[in-house]
Amino acid sequence: MQATYFRNFIFGVEDSLVSTVGLLSGVAIAVGVTVGSFLG
């Protein structure tokens, strides 16, 4: 039971990390495209 809880916890942490990284990279790309179109 303890191992299952621990594995679910690790999975949740990794999932939130991946979501945060994806969100940040999406924002960074959007900002880069916006700046590029302004300067372009």
C-alpha atoms as a PDB file:
ATOM      1  CA  MET A   1       0.000   0.000   0.000  1.00  0.00           C
ATOM      2  CA  GLN A   2       2.819   2.386   0.922  1.00  0.00           C
ATOM      3  CA  ALA A   3       4.696   1.716  -2.327  1.00  0.00           C
ATOM      4  CA  THR A   4       1.604   2.449  -4.412  1.00  0.00           C
ATOM      5  CA  TYR A   5       1.034   5.748  -2.613  1.00  0.00           C
ATOM      6  CA  PHE A   6       4.687   6.723  -3.075  1.00  0.00           C
ATOM      7  CA  ARG A   7       4.612   5.852  -6.783  1.00  0.00           C
ATOM      8  CA  ASN A   8       1.419   7.874  -7.283  1.00  0.00           C
ATOM      9  CA  PHE A   9       3.041  10.820  -5.475  1.00  0.00           C
ATOM     10  CA  ILE A  10       6.133  10.670  -7.709  1.00  0.00           C
ATOM     11  CA  PHE A  11       3.919  10.396 -10.790  1.00  0.00           C
ATOM     12  CA  GLY A  12       1.917  13.441  -9.693  1.00  0.00           C
ATOM     13  CA  VAL A  13       5.056  15.495  -9.111  1.00  0.00           C
ATOM     14  CA  GLU A  14       6.488  14.530 -12.507  1.00  0.00           C
ATOM     15  CA  ASP A  15       3.159  15.282 -14.189  1.00  0.00           C
ATOM     16  CA  SER A  16       2.951  18.767 -12.666  1.00  0.00           C
ATOM     17  CA  LEU A  17       6.599  19.392 -13.598  1.00  0.00           C
ATOM     18  CA  VAL A  18       5.964  18.413 -17.215  1.00  0.00           C
ATOM     19  CA  SER A  19       2.831  20.588 -17.296  1.00  0.00           C
ATOM     20  CA  THR A  20       4.721  23.581 -15.887  1.00  0.00           C
ATOM     21  CA  VAL A  21       7.612  23.163 -18.337  1.00  0.00           C
ATOM     22  CA  GLY A  22       5.179  22.813 -21.238  1.00  0.00           C
ATOM     23  CA  LEU A  23       3.292  25.923 -20.153  1.00  0.00           C
ATOM     24  CA  LEU A  24       6.489  27.960 -19.738  1.00  0.00           C
ATOM     25  CA  SER A  25       7.893  26.885 -23.098  1.00  0.00           C
ATOM     26  CA  GLY A  26       4.552  27.677 -24.743  1.00  0.00           C
ATOM     27  CA  VAL A  27       4.577  31.166 -23.214  1.00  0.00           C
ATOM     28  CA  ALA A  28       8.226  31.655 -24.215  1.00  0.00           C
ATOM     29  CA  ILE A  29       7.452  30.643 -27.817  1.00  0.00           C
ATOM     30  CA  ALA A  30       4.409  32.936 -27.912  1.00  0.00           C
ATOM     31  CA  VAL A  31       6.457  35.871 -26.580  1.00  0.00           C
ATOM     32  CA  GLY A  32       9.258  35.139 -29.050  1.00  0.00           C
ATOM     33  CA  VAL A  33       6.830  35.051 -31.977  1.00  0.00           C
ATOM     34  CA  THR A  34       5.147  38.269 -30.818  1.00  0.00           C
ATOM     35  CA  VAL A  35       8.474  40.103 -30.374  1.00  0.00           C
ATOM     36  CA  GLY A  36       9.706  38.739 -33.691  1.00  0.00           C
ATOM     37  CA  SER A  37       6.609  39.957 -35.553  1.00  0.00           C
ATOM     38  CA  PHE A  38       6.936  43.407 -33.960  1.00  0.00           C
ATOM     39  CA  LEU A  39      10.621  43.690 -34.870  1.00  0.00           C
ATOM     40  CA  GLY A  40      10.224  41.878 -38.187  1.00  0.00           C
END
